[in-house]
Amino acid sequence: YLFPGDTHTHITSANYYVHWQTVMRKLNFSHTPHECRHTFRSRLDSAGANKTCIDLLMGHKSGSVGERVYTHKTVAELVETIILLR
């Protein structure tokens, strides 16, 4: 809902921030996209989510190459991780 148009369309970083600021103004909020990432990761960590699943969902490389390269997660496991946010 944040970005108009095709969900598979790549947008530039500059356009991302323009859209973000538009949404923040409309909601009368003052937050950065990075704050959302901190909240997402912190809440999943507090809920006991699997670190590799968190890393995959965030699009970050795992802190451990071994975990990232040799640990594989199914879509079902990633979905279960998201459900922990309830």
N, C-alpha and C. Protein backbone atom coordinates (compact mmCIF):
# COMPACT_ATOMS: atom_id res chain seq x y z
N TYR A 1 0.81 -1.20 0.00
CA TYR A 1 0.00 0.00 0.00
C TYR A 1 0.85 1.27 0.00
N LEU A 2 2.10 1.10 0.32
CA LEU A 2 2.97 2.27 0.41
C LEU A 2 3.33 2.82 -0.96
N PHE A 3 3.53 1.91 -1.92
CA PHE A 3 3.99 2.35 -3.24
C PHE A 3 2.95 2.07 -4.30
N PRO A 4 2.67 3.05 -5.12
CA PRO A 4 1.70 2.84 -6.21
C PRO A 4 2.31 2.01 -7.33
N GLY A 5 1.44 1.39 -8.11
CA GLY A 5 1.90 0.69 -9.30
C GLY A 5 2.21 -0.77 -9.07
N ASP A 6 2.87 -1.34 -10.04
CA ASP A 6 3.22 -2.76 -10.04
C ASP A 6 4.16 -3.07 -8.88
N THR A 7 3.85 -4.11 -8.12
CA THR A 7 4.66 -4.46 -6.96
C THR A 7 6.02 -5.01 -7.36
N HIS A 8 6.20 -5.37 -8.62
CA HIS A 8 7.48 -5.91 -9.06
C HIS A 8 8.37 -4.83 -9.70
N THR A 9 7.89 -3.60 -9.72
CA THR A 9 8.65 -2.52 -10.32
C THR A 9 9.71 -2.05 -9.34
N HIS A 10 10.93 -1.95 -9.81
CA HIS A 10 12.02 -1.44 -8.97
C HIS A 10 11.88 0.07 -8.86
N ILE A 11 12.00 0.58 -7.65
CA ILE A 11 12.00 2.03 -7.49
C ILE A 11 13.35 2.44 -6.92
N THR A 12 13.73 3.65 -7.20
CA THR A 12 15.01 4.14 -6.70
C THR A 12 14.88 4.47 -5.22
N SER A 13 16.00 4.55 -4.57
CA SER A 13 16.03 4.92 -3.16
C SER A 13 15.39 6.30 -2.95
N ALA A 14 15.69 7.21 -3.85
CA ALA A 14 15.13 8.57 -3.74
C ALA A 14 13.60 8.54 -3.82
N ASN A 15 13.05 7.76 -4.76
CA ASN A 15 11.59 7.66 -4.88
C ASN A 15 10.98 6.98 -3.67
N TYR A 16 11.68 5.99 -3.13
CA TYR A 16 11.21 5.31 -1.92
C TYR A 16 11.00 6.32 -0.81
N TYR A 17 11.98 7.19 -0.59
CA TYR A 17 11.88 8.17 0.49
C TYR A 17 10.82 9.22 0.21
N VAL A 18 10.61 9.57 -1.04
CA VAL A 18 9.53 10.50 -1.38
C VAL A 18 8.19 9.90 -1.00
N HIS A 19 7.97 8.63 -1.38
CA HIS A 19 6.73 7.95 -1.02
C HIS A 19 6.59 7.82 0.50
N TRP A 20 7.67 7.47 1.16
CA TRP A 20 7.66 7.31 2.61
C TRP A 20 7.25 8.62 3.29
N GLN A 21 7.89 9.71 2.90
CA GLN A 21 7.57 11.01 3.50
C GLN A 21 6.13 11.42 3.25
N THR A 22 5.60 11.11 2.08
CA THR A 22 4.20 11.41 1.78
C THR A 22 3.28 10.68 2.74
N VAL A 23 3.55 9.40 2.96
CA VAL A 23 2.74 8.61 3.89
C VAL A 23 2.88 9.17 5.31
N MET A 24 4.08 9.49 5.73
CA MET A 24 4.29 10.01 7.09
C MET A 24 3.54 11.32 7.30
N ARG A 25 3.57 12.20 6.31
CA ARG A 25 2.84 13.47 6.43
C ARG A 25 1.34 13.23 6.55
N LYS A 26 0.80 12.33 5.72
CA LYS A 26 -0.63 12.04 5.75
C LYS A 26 -1.06 11.47 7.09
N LEU A 27 -0.19 10.68 7.71
CA LEU A 27 -0.50 10.06 9.00
C LEU A 27 -0.09 10.93 10.19
N ASN A 28 0.55 12.06 9.88
CA ASN A 28 1.08 12.95 10.90
C ASN A 28 2.06 12.21 11.82
N PHE A 29 2.91 11.39 11.22
CA PHE A 29 3.93 10.63 11.93
C PHE A 29 5.30 11.18 11.56
N SER A 30 6.26 10.87 12.38
CA SER A 30 7.64 11.26 12.11
C SER A 30 8.54 10.07 12.39
N HIS A 31 8.57 9.13 11.46
CA HIS A 31 9.37 7.93 11.61
C HIS A 31 10.17 7.69 10.34
N THR A 32 11.24 6.93 10.49
CA THR A 32 12.05 6.56 9.33
C THR A 32 11.77 5.10 8.97
N PRO A 33 12.02 4.72 7.73
CA PRO A 33 11.85 3.32 7.35
C PRO A 33 12.73 2.40 8.21
N HIS A 34 13.89 2.90 8.57
CA HIS A 34 14.82 2.08 9.35
C HIS A 34 14.24 1.75 10.73
N GLU A 35 13.46 2.65 11.31
CA GLU A 35 12.81 2.38 12.60
C GLU A 35 11.91 1.15 12.50
N CYS A 36 11.23 1.01 11.38
CA CYS A 36 10.35 -0.15 11.17
C CYS A 36 11.15 -1.44 11.19
N ARG A 37 12.32 -1.42 10.60
CA ARG A 37 13.16 -2.61 10.57
C ARG A 37 13.62 -2.99 11.98
N HIS A 38 13.96 -1.97 12.78
CA HIS A 38 14.36 -2.24 14.17
C HIS A 38 13.20 -2.87 14.94
N THR A 39 12.01 -2.32 14.78
CA THR A 39 10.84 -2.85 15.49
C THR A 39 10.55 -4.28 15.04
N PHE A 40 10.56 -4.50 13.74
CA PHE A 40 10.29 -5.83 13.18
C PHE A 40 11.25 -6.86 13.76
N ARG A 41 12.53 -6.56 13.69
CA ARG A 41 13.53 -7.51 14.18
C ARG A 41 13.43 -7.70 15.70
N SER A 42 13.26 -6.62 16.43
CA SER A 42 13.19 -6.70 17.89
C SER A 42 11.99 -7.51 18.34
N ARG A 43 10.84 -7.30 17.71
CA ARG A 43 9.65 -8.05 18.10
C ARG A 43 9.79 -9.53 17.78
N LEU A 44 10.36 -9.84 16.63
CA LEU A 44 10.57 -11.25 16.29
C LEU A 44 11.57 -11.89 17.24
N ASP A 45 12.63 -11.17 17.58
CA ASP A 45 13.63 -11.70 18.51
C ASP A 45 12.99 -11.95 19.88
N SER A 46 12.18 -11.02 20.36
CA SER A 46 11.50 -11.18 21.65
C SER A 46 10.53 -12.34 21.64
N ALA A 47 9.98 -12.64 20.47
CA ALA A 47 9.03 -13.76 20.35
C ALA A 47 9.75 -15.10 20.18
N GLY A 48 11.09 -15.06 20.12
CA GLY A 48 11.85 -16.30 20.01
C GLY A 48 11.98 -16.83 18.60
N ALA A 49 11.84 -15.96 17.61
CA ALA A 49 11.93 -16.39 16.21
C ALA A 49 13.33 -16.89 15.88
N ASN A 50 13.39 -17.79 14.93
CA ASN A 50 14.65 -18.33 14.44
C ASN A 50 15.45 -17.23 13.77
N LYS A 51 16.72 -17.09 14.15
CA LYS A 51 17.57 -16.01 13.64
C LYS A 51 17.71 -16.06 12.12
N THR A 52 17.86 -17.24 11.57
CA THR A 52 18.00 -17.35 10.12
C THR A 52 16.73 -16.90 9.42
N CYS A 53 15.57 -17.25 9.97
CA CYS A 53 14.30 -16.81 9.38
C CYS A 53 14.19 -15.28 9.43
N ILE A 54 14.59 -14.71 10.57
CA ILE A 54 14.55 -13.25 10.68
C ILE A 54 15.44 -12.63 9.61
N ASP A 55 16.67 -13.13 9.49
CA ASP A 55 17.60 -12.59 8.49
C ASP A 55 17.03 -12.69 7.08
N LEU A 56 16.44 -13.84 6.76
CA LEU A 56 15.87 -14.02 5.42
C LEU A 56 14.71 -13.06 5.18
N LEU A 57 13.84 -12.91 6.17
CA LEU A 57 12.70 -12.01 6.01
C LEU A 57 13.12 -10.55 5.90
N MET A 58 14.20 -10.20 6.56
CA MET A 58 14.68 -8.82 6.50
C MET A 58 15.52 -8.54 5.25
N GLY A 59 15.92 -9.62 4.56
CA GLY A 59 16.74 -9.42 3.37
C GLY A 59 18.19 -9.13 3.71
N HIS A 60 18.59 -9.46 4.94
CA HIS A 60 19.97 -9.24 5.36
C HIS A 60 20.75 -10.54 5.31
N LYS A 61 22.02 -10.42 5.12
CA LYS A 61 22.88 -11.59 5.24
C LYS A 61 22.97 -11.93 6.72
N SER A 62 22.96 -13.19 7.02
CA SER A 62 23.09 -13.63 8.40
C SER A 62 24.45 -13.25 8.95
N GLY A 63 24.52 -13.03 10.26
CA GLY A 63 25.79 -12.72 10.90
C GLY A 63 26.78 -13.85 10.77
N SER A 64 26.28 -15.05 10.53
CA SER A 64 27.14 -16.21 10.39
C SER A 64 26.99 -16.78 8.98
N VAL A 65 28.09 -16.85 8.26
CA VAL A 65 28.05 -17.37 6.89
C VAL A 65 27.51 -18.79 6.89
N GLY A 66 27.90 -19.58 7.87
CA GLY A 66 27.43 -20.95 7.95
C GLY A 66 25.92 -21.04 8.06
N GLU A 67 25.34 -20.21 8.93
CA GLU A 67 23.88 -20.21 9.07
C GLU A 67 23.22 -19.82 7.75
N ARG A 68 23.76 -18.80 7.13
CA ARG A 68 23.16 -18.28 5.91
C ARG A 68 23.29 -19.26 4.74
N VAL A 69 24.43 -19.87 4.62
CA VAL A 69 24.70 -20.73 3.47
C VAL A 69 24.16 -22.14 3.67
N TYR A 70 24.29 -22.65 4.87
CA TYR A 70 23.99 -24.07 5.09
C TYR A 70 22.68 -24.34 5.81
N THR A 71 22.00 -23.31 6.26
CA THR A 71 20.70 -23.50 6.90
C THR A 71 19.64 -23.05 5.92
N HIS A 72 18.72 -23.93 5.60
CA HIS A 72 17.67 -23.61 4.63
C HIS A 72 16.33 -23.61 5.33
N LYS A 73 15.49 -22.68 4.97
CA LYS A 73 14.17 -22.55 5.58
C LYS A 73 13.11 -22.66 4.50
N THR A 74 12.00 -23.29 4.86
CA THR A 74 10.87 -23.42 3.94
C THR A 74 10.00 -22.17 4.04
N VAL A 75 9.14 -21.99 3.06
CA VAL A 75 8.18 -20.89 3.12
C VAL A 75 7.31 -21.03 4.36
N ALA A 76 6.94 -22.25 4.70
CA ALA A 76 6.11 -22.49 5.90
C ALA A 76 6.82 -22.00 7.16
N GLU A 77 8.13 -22.22 7.25
CA GLU A 77 8.88 -21.75 8.42
C GLU A 77 8.94 -20.23 8.46
N LEU A 78 9.06 -19.60 7.31
CA LEU A 78 9.06 -18.13 7.27
C LEU A 78 7.69 -17.59 7.67
N VAL A 79 6.62 -18.24 7.22
CA VAL A 79 5.26 -17.84 7.60
C VAL A 79 5.08 -17.98 9.11
N GLU A 80 5.54 -19.09 9.67
CA GLU A 80 5.45 -19.30 11.12
C GLU A 80 6.18 -18.20 11.88
N THR A 81 7.28 -17.74 11.32
CA THR A 81 8.03 -16.65 11.95
C THR A 81 7.22 -15.37 11.96
N ILE A 82 6.58 -15.05 10.84
CA ILE A 82 5.74 -13.85 10.78
C ILE A 82 4.58 -13.93 11.77
N ILE A 83 3.99 -15.12 11.93
CA ILE A 83 2.87 -15.32 12.85
C ILE A 83 3.28 -15.00 14.29
N LEU A 84 4.56 -15.13 14.61
CA LEU A 84 5.04 -14.80 15.96
C LEU A 84 4.82 -13.34 16.32
N LEU A 85 4.58 -12.49 15.32
CA LEU A 85 4.37 -11.06 15.59
C LEU A 85 3.03 -10.77 16.26
N ARG A 86 2.12 -11.73 16.26
CA ARG A 86 0.79 -11.50 16.87
C ARG A 86 0.89 -11.17 18.32
